C-alpha cells in the first residue's frame, strides 16, 4: 500500500523496490503529508522505465489532481515521449475515486477493502485492509477512534494505526502561532495511543504497529512510553513504527 506522503519515491528506492514495478497506489485522504508525492511518484517511476498501468485509488478530487499534474508536467512528458521513445504516460494511470466503504480491488495476490473513518474536516477519509494468502494487514490512515475501523480490522494479523501521545500535545502546539486551532484539530481527528490499543484489542488483531506518531519528534516521549501506553488496553504485540520498517 502506498500513501504518498513526502519522500515516498526515495523510500521505495531505499527499500530496494524498483520504481518501474509500481502497480497500485492507495491514498487514505487528501492531506498534504499523505498526497504530496502522488504525482511525482508516478512521474518518476515512468521516467525510470515504467511501461505498465498503475491504478490509483482514493477520495476525490483524485481524478482532478491526476489530470492537473499531467498538465503541469506535459512539457517534460511530451519531450521524453518524443526524444526517448517512452510510452505515453497518461493512459497508464486509471483513476478510481472512492466515496464510501467498498471492495476496492481483487487480483490473484491480494484483496483490498476500504472503510470510512473519522478525520474531520477531511471527508471522505479511508482505512484499507489488504488480505493476502499469508496475512491480513489493515492501515488506519488518519482517524479518530473509529468503530468502522474495528469492524474492518477484525481478525487481521497486523493493524497499522495512527497515534497521538496526549501528554505531549501541549508541548507540540506551543511551538506554533496557531496553537489553539492546531490542538483542536489534533484532538478531533486523531486517536490517542491508548485508544489505538483499545481498537486493536476490540478487533482481535495480533500485532499493533503505531504509526503517524504525534508528536514524532518529542525527545521526552520514548519508544517505550509509546508502547507501554498502547499495552494499557492491548494484549498483543506492539511495534513503534519507523520509515522502511518491515513487519
C-alpha atoms as a PDB file:
ATOM      1  CA  UNK A   1       0.000   0.000   0.000  1.00  0.00           C
ATOM      2  CA  UNK A   2       1.379   3.420  -0.914  1.00  0.00           C
ATOM      3  CA  UNK A   3       0.006   6.520   0.801  1.00  0.00           C
ATOM      4  CA  UNK A   4       2.009   9.195  -0.937  1.00  0.00           C
ATOM      5  CA  UNK A   5       3.487  11.400   1.747  1.00  0.00           C
ATOM      6  CA  UNK A   6       6.698  13.341   1.367  1.00  0.00           C
ATOM      7  CA  UNK A   7       9.655  11.321   0.153  1.00  0.00           C
ATOM      8  CA  UNK A   8       7.776   8.156  -0.831  1.00  0.00           C
ATOM      9  CA  UNK A   9       9.728   7.665  -4.062  1.00  0.00           C
ATOM     10  CA  UNK A  10      13.026   7.964  -2.179  1.00  0.00           C
ATOM     11  CA  UNK A  11      11.818   5.490   0.437  1.00  0.00           C
ATOM     12  CA  UNK A  12      10.868   2.935  -2.215  1.00  0.00           C
ATOM     13  CA  UNK A  13      14.341   3.189  -3.708  1.00  0.00           C
ATOM     14  CA  UNK A  14      15.941   2.731  -0.285  1.00  0.00           C
ATOM     15  CA  UNK A  15      13.685  -0.296   0.278  1.00  0.00           C
ATOM     16  CA  UNK A  16      15.037  -1.862  -2.947  1.00  0.00           C
ATOM     17  CA  UNK A  17      11.633  -1.644  -4.619  1.00  0.00           C
ATOM     18  CA  UNK A  18      12.170  -0.850  -8.281  1.00  0.00           C
ATOM     19  CA  UNK A  19      10.007   2.107  -9.293  1.00  0.00           C
ATOM     20  CA  UNK A  20       9.011   0.548 -12.657  1.00  0.00           C
ATOM     21  CA  UNK A  21       7.302  -2.293 -10.735  1.00  0.00           C
ATOM     22  CA  UNK A  22       4.726   0.111  -9.286  1.00  0.00           C
ATOM     23  CA  UNK A  23       1.244  -1.320  -9.812  1.00  0.00           C
ATOM     24  CA  UNK A  24      -1.301   0.313  -7.433  1.00  0.00           C
ATOM     25  CA  UNK A  25      -1.428   3.460  -5.308  1.00  0.00           C
ATOM     26  CA  UNK A  26      -3.920   3.847  -2.455  1.00  0.00           C
ATOM     27  CA  UNK A  27      -4.495   7.250  -0.839  1.00  0.00           C
ATOM     28  CA  UNK A  28      -6.228   7.370   2.536  1.00  0.00           C
ATOM     29  CA  UNK A  29      -7.212  11.045   2.428  1.00  0.00           C
ATOM     30  CA  UNK A  30      -6.394  14.415   0.953  1.00  0.00           C
ATOM     31  CA  UNK A  31      -3.889  15.943   3.355  1.00  0.00           C
ATOM     32  CA  UNK A  32      -0.502  17.091   2.091  1.00  0.00           C
ATOM     33  CA  UNK A  33       1.500  14.671   4.256  1.00  0.00           C
ATOM     34  CA  UNK A  34      -0.383  11.837   2.548  1.00  0.00           C
ATOM     35  CA  UNK A  35      -0.655  13.021  -1.063  1.00  0.00           C
ATOM     36  CA  UNK A  36       2.302  15.350  -1.676  1.00  0.00           C
ATOM     37  CA  UNK A  37       4.297  12.821  -3.717  1.00  0.00           C
ATOM     38  CA  UNK A  38       1.355  11.238  -5.511  1.00  0.00           C
ATOM     39  CA  UNK A  39       2.031  12.678  -8.940  1.00  0.00           C
ATOM     40  CA  UNK A  40       5.790  12.704  -8.527  1.00  0.00           C
ATOM     41  CA  UNK A  41       5.837   9.004  -7.682  1.00  0.00           C
ATOM     42  CA  UNK A  42       4.059   8.113 -10.920  1.00  0.00           C
ATOM     43  CA  UNK A  43       6.162  10.546 -12.966  1.00  0.00           C
ATOM     44  CA  UNK A  44       9.489   9.345 -11.542  1.00  0.00           C
ATOM     45  CA  UNK A  45       8.512   5.688 -11.939  1.00  0.00           C
ATOM     46  CA  UNK A  46       7.675   6.372 -15.592  1.00  0.00           C
ATOM     47  CA  UNK A  47      10.940   8.235 -16.168  1.00  0.00           C
ATOM     48  CA  UNK A  48      12.731   5.251 -14.568  1.00  0.00           C
ATOM     49  CA  UNK A  49      11.221   2.875 -17.131  1.00  0.00           C
ATOM     50  CA  UNK A  50       7.622   2.148 -16.121  1.00  0.00           C
ATOM     51  CA  UNK A  51       5.618   0.888 -19.105  1.00  0.00           C
ATOM     52  CA  UNK A  52       2.663  -0.838 -17.437  1.00  0.00           C
ATOM     53  CA  UNK A  53      -0.529   0.507 -15.900  1.00  0.00           C
ATOM     54  CA  UNK A  54      -0.722   1.958 -12.389  1.00  0.00           C
ATOM     55  CA  UNK A  55      -4.233   2.023 -10.924  1.00  0.00           C
ATOM     56  CA  UNK A  56      -4.744   4.757  -8.342  1.00  0.00           C
ATOM     57  CA  UNK A  57      -7.405   4.673  -5.643  1.00  0.00           C
ATOM     58  CA  UNK A  58      -8.564   7.314  -3.186  1.00  0.00           C
ATOM     59  CA  UNK A  59     -11.051  10.040  -2.350  1.00  0.00           C
ATOM     60  CA  UNK A  60     -11.961  12.964  -4.602  1.00  0.00           C
ATOM     61  CA  UNK A  61     -10.568  15.076  -6.133  1.00  0.00           C
ATOM     62  CA  UNK A  62      -8.119  12.346  -7.175  1.00  0.00           C
ATOM     63  CA  UNK A  63      -9.138  12.462 -10.842  1.00  0.00           C
ATOM     64  CA  UNK A  64      -8.704  16.243 -11.000  1.00  0.00           C
ATOM     65  CA  UNK A  65      -5.365  16.054  -9.162  1.00  0.00           C
ATOM     66  CA  UNK A  66      -4.093  13.482 -11.651  1.00  0.00           C
ATOM     67  CA  UNK A  67      -5.240  15.428 -14.694  1.00  0.00           C
ATOM     68  CA  UNK A  68      -3.749  18.694 -13.460  1.00  0.00           C
ATOM     69  CA  UNK A  69      -0.456  17.031 -12.555  1.00  0.00           C
ATOM     70  CA  UNK A  70      -0.092  15.702 -16.081  1.00  0.00           C
ATOM     71  CA  UNK A  71      -0.966  19.150 -17.469  1.00  0.00           C
ATOM     72  CA  UNK A  72       1.596  20.803 -15.199  1.00  0.00           C
ATOM     73  CA  UNK A  73       4.342  18.497 -16.442  1.00  0.00           C
ATOM     74  CA  UNK A  74       3.216  17.988 -20.020  1.00  0.00           C
ATOM     75  CA  UNK A  75       6.345  19.646 -21.460  1.00  0.00           C
ATOM     76  CA  UNK A  76       8.670  17.104 -19.854  1.00  0.00           C
ATOM     77  CA  UNK A  77       6.313  14.206 -20.527  1.00  0.00           C
ATOM     78  CA  UNK A  78       5.871  15.036 -24.223  1.00  0.00           C
ATOM     79  CA  UNK A  79       9.593  15.697 -24.611  1.00  0.00           C
ATOM     80  CA  UNK A  80      10.541  12.317 -23.160  1.00  0.00           C
ATOM     81  CA  UNK A  81       7.975  10.514 -25.313  1.00  0.00           C
ATOM     82  CA  UNK A  82       9.369  12.126 -28.478  1.00  0.00           C
ATOM     83  CA  UNK A  83      13.063  12.202 -27.541  1.00  0.00           C
ATOM     84  CA  UNK A  84      13.450   8.976 -25.530  1.00  0.00           C
ATOM     85  CA  UNK A  85      10.812   6.737 -27.066  1.00  0.00           C
ATOM     86  CA  UNK A  86       8.798   6.361 -23.860  1.00  0.00           C
ATOM     87  CA  UNK A  87       5.208   5.154 -23.908  1.00  0.00           C
ATOM     88  CA  UNK A  88       2.523   7.800 -23.257  1.00  0.00           C
ATOM     89  CA  UNK A  89       2.080   8.236 -19.517  1.00  0.00           C
ATOM     90  CA  UNK A  90      -1.491   9.395 -19.018  1.00  0.00           C
ATOM     91  CA  UNK A  91      -3.172   6.257 -20.469  1.00  0.00           C
ATOM     92  CA  UNK A  92      -1.195   4.136 -17.981  1.00  0.00           C
ATOM     93  CA  UNK A  93      -2.977   5.667 -14.978  1.00  0.00           C
ATOM     94  CA  UNK A  94      -6.634   4.673 -14.488  1.00  0.00           C
ATOM     95  CA  UNK A  95      -8.050   6.681 -11.573  1.00  0.00           C
ATOM     96  CA  UNK A  96     -10.669   5.233  -9.216  1.00  0.00           C
ATOM     97  CA  UNK A  97     -12.339   7.714  -6.869  1.00  0.00           C
ATOM     98  CA  UNK A  98     -13.759   6.265  -3.661  1.00  0.00           C
ATOM     99  CA  UNK A  99     -16.635   7.864  -1.785  1.00  0.00           C
ATOM    100  CA  UNK A 100     -17.726   5.095   0.598  1.00  0.00           C
ATOM    101  CA  UNK A 101     -16.548   1.862   2.121  1.00  0.00           C
ATOM    102  CA  UNK A 102     -16.292  -0.825  -0.501  1.00  0.00           C
ATOM    103  CA  UNK A 103     -14.442  -3.763  -2.007  1.00  0.00           C
ATOM    104  CA  UNK A 104     -11.707  -1.804  -3.763  1.00  0.00           C
ATOM    105  CA  UNK A 105      -9.983  -4.426  -5.893  1.00  0.00           C
ATOM    106  CA  UNK A 106      -9.071  -8.099  -6.056  1.00  0.00           C
ATOM    107  CA  UNK A 107      -6.468  -9.994  -8.042  1.00  0.00           C
ATOM    108  CA  UNK A 108      -4.638 -13.310  -7.682  1.00  0.00           C
ATOM    109  CA  UNK A 109      -2.415 -11.915  -4.916  1.00  0.00           C
ATOM    110  CA  UNK A 110      -4.496  -9.605  -2.744  1.00  0.00           C
ATOM    111  CA  UNK A 111      -7.983  -8.411  -1.900  1.00  0.00           C
ATOM    112  CA  UNK A 112      -8.319  -4.786  -0.833  1.00  0.00           C
ATOM    113  CA  UNK A 113     -11.262  -3.326   1.075  1.00  0.00           C
ATOM    114  CA  UNK A 114     -11.848   0.201   2.354  1.00  0.00           C
ATOM    115  CA  UNK A 115     -13.972   1.724   5.086  1.00  0.00           C
ATOM    116  CA  UNK A 116     -14.792   5.287   6.030  1.00  0.00           C
ATOM    117  CA  UNK A 117     -13.003   6.642   9.107  1.00  0.00           C
ATOM    118  CA  UNK A 118     -13.324   9.902  11.043  1.00  0.00           C
ATOM    119  CA  UNK A 119     -10.731  12.572  10.272  1.00  0.00           C
ATOM    120  CA  UNK A 120     -12.603  15.886  10.310  1.00  0.00           C
ATOM    121  CA  UNK A 121     -12.782  18.076   8.379  1.00  0.00           C
ATOM    122  CA  UNK A 122     -11.283  15.860   5.652  1.00  0.00           C
ATOM    123  CA  UNK A 123     -14.170  13.868   4.168  1.00  0.00           C
ATOM    124  CA  UNK A 124     -14.071  11.202   2.950  1.00  0.00           C
ATOM    125  CA  UNK A 125     -11.129   9.565   4.682  1.00  0.00           C
ATOM    126  CA  UNK A 126     -10.409   5.855   4.397  1.00  0.00           C
ATOM    127  CA  UNK A 127      -8.742   2.919   6.081  1.00  0.00           C
ATOM    128  CA  UNK A 128      -7.696  -0.042   3.932  1.00  0.00           C
ATOM    129  CA  UNK A 129      -7.493  -3.775   4.560  1.00  0.00           C
ATOM    130  CA  UNK A 130      -5.169  -5.978   2.495  1.00  0.00           C
ATOM    131  CA  UNK A 131      -5.878  -9.725   2.587  1.00  0.00           C
ATOM    132  CA  UNK A 132      -3.203 -11.923   1.020  1.00  0.00           C
ATOM    133  CA  UNK A 133      -2.621 -15.657   1.201  1.00  0.00           C
ATOM    134  CA  UNK A 134      -0.317 -15.427   4.217  1.00  0.00           C
ATOM    135  CA  UNK A 135      -1.655 -12.485   6.221  1.00  0.00           C
ATOM    136  CA  UNK A 136      -4.092  -9.585   6.564  1.00  0.00           C
ATOM    137  CA  UNK A 137      -2.875  -6.035   7.143  1.00  0.00           C
ATOM    138  CA  UNK A 138      -5.033  -3.004   7.962  1.00  0.00           C
ATOM    139  CA  UNK A 139      -3.891   0.607   7.519  1.00  0.00           C
ATOM    140  CA  UNK A 140      -5.942   3.066   9.576  1.00  0.00           C
ATOM    141  CA  UNK A 141      -4.996   6.242   7.773  1.00  0.00           C
ATOM    142  CA  UNK A 142      -5.522   9.270   9.988  1.00  0.00           C
ATOM    143  CA  UNK A 143      -8.601   8.873  12.149  1.00  0.00           C
ATOM    144  CA  UNK A 144     -10.254   9.480  15.458  1.00  0.00           C
ATOM    145  CA  UNK A 145     -11.293   6.300  17.251  1.00  0.00           C
ATOM    146  CA  UNK A 146     -13.484   4.503  14.714  1.00  0.00           C
ATOM    147  CA  UNK A 147     -15.995   1.651  15.027  1.00  0.00           C
ATOM    148  CA  UNK A 148     -15.779   1.185  11.254  1.00  0.00           C
ATOM    149  CA  UNK A 149     -12.074   0.535  11.643  1.00  0.00           C
ATOM    150  CA  UNK A 150     -12.679  -2.062  14.356  1.00  0.00           C
ATOM    151  CA  UNK A 151     -15.011  -3.944  12.001  1.00  0.00           C
ATOM    152  CA  UNK A 152     -12.595  -3.713   9.089  1.00  0.00           C
ATOM    153  CA  UNK A 153      -9.690  -4.984  11.197  1.00  0.00           C
ATOM    154  CA  UNK A 154     -11.470  -7.943  12.810  1.00  0.00           C
ATOM    155  CA  UNK A 155      -9.145 -10.953  12.842  1.00  0.00           C
ATOM    156  CA  UNK A 156      -6.307  -9.261  10.944  1.00  0.00           C
ATOM    157  CA  UNK A 157      -2.721 -10.155  11.740  1.00  0.00           C
ATOM    158  CA  UNK A 158      -1.453  -6.565  11.682  1.00  0.00           C
ATOM    159  CA  UNK A 159      -3.090  -3.194  12.344  1.00  0.00           C
ATOM    160  CA  UNK A 160      -1.073  -0.099  11.478  1.00  0.00           C
ATOM    161  CA  UNK A 161      -2.743   2.709  13.410  1.00  0.00           C
ATOM    162  CA  UNK A 162      -2.051   6.415  13.706  1.00  0.00           C
ATOM    163  CA  UNK A 163      -1.491   7.544  17.284  1.00  0.00           C
ATOM    164  CA  UNK A 164      -1.232  10.639  19.479  1.00  0.00           C
ATOM    165  CA  UNK A 165       0.603  10.818  22.803  1.00  0.00           C
ATOM    166  CA  UNK A 166      -1.784  13.176  24.568  1.00  0.00           C
ATOM    167  CA  UNK A 167       0.513  14.379  27.395  1.00  0.00           C
ATOM    168  CA  UNK A 168       2.893  15.801  24.767  1.00  0.00           C
ATOM    169  CA  UNK A 169       0.334  17.651  22.650  1.00  0.00           C
ATOM    170  CA  UNK A 170       0.649  20.913  24.555  1.00  0.00           C
ATOM    171  CA  UNK A 171       4.423  20.926  24.035  1.00  0.00           C
ATOM    172  CA  UNK A 172       3.881  20.322  20.335  1.00  0.00           C
ATOM    173  CA  UNK A 173       1.364  23.080  19.766  1.00  0.00           C
ATOM    174  CA  UNK A 174       3.330  25.565  21.908  1.00  0.00           C
ATOM    175  CA  UNK A 175       5.830  25.805  19.048  1.00  0.00           C
ATOM    176  CA  UNK A 176       3.365  27.342  16.583  1.00  0.00           C
ATOM    177  CA  UNK A 177       1.301  30.560  16.482  1.00  0.00           C
ATOM    178  CA  UNK A 178      -1.926  28.695  15.614  1.00  0.00           C
ATOM    179  CA  UNK A 179      -1.680  26.593  18.768  1.00  0.00           C
ATOM    180  CA  UNK A 180      -5.316  26.581  19.852  1.00  0.00           C
ATOM    181  CA  UNK A 181      -6.636  25.711  16.386  1.00  0.00           C
ATOM    182  CA  UNK A 182      -3.999  23.046  15.810  1.00  0.00           C
ATOM    183  CA  UNK A 183      -4.675  21.428  19.182  1.00  0.00           C
ATOM    184  CA  UNK A 184      -8.399  21.262  18.473  1.00  0.00           C
ATOM    185  CA  UNK A 185      -7.700  19.679  15.083  1.00  0.00           C
ATOM    186  CA  UNK A 186      -5.399  17.047  16.576  1.00  0.00           C
ATOM    187  CA  UNK A 187      -7.824  16.101  19.321  1.00  0.00           C
ATOM    188  CA  UNK A 188     -10.812  15.889  16.951  1.00  0.00           C
ATOM    189  CA  UNK A 189      -9.212  13.975  14.117  1.00  0.00           C
ATOM    190  CA  UNK A 190      -6.639  11.642  15.652  1.00  0.00           C
ATOM    191  CA  UNK A 191      -6.582   8.658  18.033  1.00  0.00           C
ATOM    192  CA  UNK A 192      -4.778   8.569  21.345  1.00  0.00           C
ATOM    193  CA  UNK A 193      -2.220   5.792  21.651  1.00  0.00           C
ATOM    194  CA  UNK A 194      -4.339   4.266  24.411  1.00  0.00           C
ATOM    195  CA  UNK A 195      -7.402   4.208  22.146  1.00  0.00           C
ATOM    196  CA  UNK A 196      -5.328   2.689  19.339  1.00  0.00           C
ATOM    197  CA  UNK A 197      -4.698  -0.139  21.791  1.00  0.00           C
ATOM    198  CA  UNK A 198      -8.408  -0.396  22.503  1.00  0.00           C
ATOM    199  CA  UNK A 199      -9.191  -0.603  18.771  1.00  0.00           C
ATOM    200  CA  UNK A 200      -6.584  -3.325  18.262  1.00  0.00           C
ATOM    201  CA  UNK A 201      -7.923  -5.315  21.223  1.00  0.00           C
ATOM    202  CA  UNK A 202     -11.551  -4.991  20.085  1.00  0.00           C
ATOM    203  CA  UNK A 203     -10.607  -6.118  16.571  1.00  0.00           C
ATOM    204  CA  UNK A 204      -8.626  -9.098  17.852  1.00  0.00           C
ATOM    205  CA  UNK A 205      -5.502  -8.333  15.833  1.00  0.00           C
ATOM    206  CA  UNK A 206      -2.189  -9.975  16.677  1.00  0.00           C
ATOM    207  CA  UNK A 207       0.169  -7.032  16.156  1.00  0.00           C
ATOM    208  CA  UNK A 208      -0.368  -3.286  16.531  1.00  0.00           C
ATOM    209  CA  UNK A 209       2.055  -1.014  14.698  1.00  0.00           C
ATOM    210  CA  UNK A 210       1.914   2.580  15.914  1.00  0.00           C
ATOM    211  CA  UNK A 211       2.338   4.979  13.022  1.00  0.00           C
ATOM    212  CA  UNK A 212       1.935   8.652  12.099  1.00  0.00           C
ATOM    213  CA  UNK A 213       3.103   9.480  15.620  1.00  0.00           C
ATOM    214  CA  UNK A 214       2.022  12.852  17.015  1.00  0.00           C
ATOM    215  CA  UNK A 215       4.371  14.269  18.115  1.00  0.00           C
ATOM    216  CA  UNK A 216       7.059  12.348  16.271  1.00  0.00           C
ATOM    217  CA  UNK A 217       9.999  14.482  17.376  1.00  0.00           C
ATOM    218  CA  UNK A 218       9.459  14.976  21.119  1.00  0.00           C
ATOM    219  CA  UNK A 219      12.565  13.563  22.768  1.00  0.00           C
ATOM    220  CA  UNK A 220      10.730  13.296  26.080  1.00  0.00           C
ATOM    221  CA  UNK A 221       8.449  10.619  24.623  1.00  0.00           C
ATOM    222  CA  UNK A 222      10.445   7.413  24.214  1.00  0.00           C
ATOM    223  CA  UNK A 223       9.570   4.329  22.184  1.00  0.00           C
ATOM    224  CA  UNK A 224       8.992   2.524  25.460  1.00  0.00           C
ATOM    225  CA  UNK A 225       6.453   5.157  26.523  1.00  0.00           C
ATOM    226  CA  UNK A 226       4.566   4.797  23.232  1.00  0.00           C
ATOM    227  CA  UNK A 227       4.484   1.027  23.515  1.00  0.00           C
ATOM    228  CA  UNK A 228       3.523   0.957  27.192  1.00  0.00           C
ATOM    229  CA  UNK A 229       0.628   3.353  26.581  1.00  0.00           C
ATOM    230  CA  UNK A 230      -0.734   1.073  23.833  1.00  0.00           C
ATOM    231  CA  UNK A 231      -0.305  -2.004  26.035  1.00  0.00           C
ATOM    232  CA  UNK A 232      -2.618  -0.453  28.625  1.00  0.00           C
ATOM    233  CA  UNK A 233      -5.519  -1.867  26.643  1.00  0.00           C
ATOM    234  CA  UNK A 234      -3.933  -4.268  24.135  1.00  0.00           C
ATOM    235  CA  UNK A 235      -2.538  -7.706  24.939  1.00  0.00           C
ATOM    236  CA  UNK A 236      -0.861  -8.428  21.605  1.00  0.00           C
ATOM    237  CA  UNK A 237       2.488  -7.370  20.186  1.00  0.00           C
ATOM    238  CA  UNK A 238       3.157  -3.613  19.918  1.00  0.00           C
ATOM    239  CA  UNK A 239       5.677  -2.129  17.490  1.00  0.00           C
ATOM    240  CA  UNK A 240       6.563   1.560  17.228  1.00  0.00           C
ATOM    241  CA  UNK A 241       6.691   2.247  13.517  1.00  0.00           C
ATOM    242  CA  UNK A 242       9.575   3.792  11.594  1.00  0.00           C
ATOM    243  CA  UNK A 243      10.212   4.517   7.922  1.00  0.00           C
ATOM    244  CA  UNK A 244      11.189   1.372   5.977  1.00  0.00           C
ATOM    245  CA  UNK A 245      10.181  -0.892   8.858  1.00  0.00           C
ATOM    246  CA  UNK A 246       9.375  -4.464   7.785  1.00  0.00           C
ATOM    247  CA  UNK A 247       6.855  -6.441   9.878  1.00  0.00           C
END
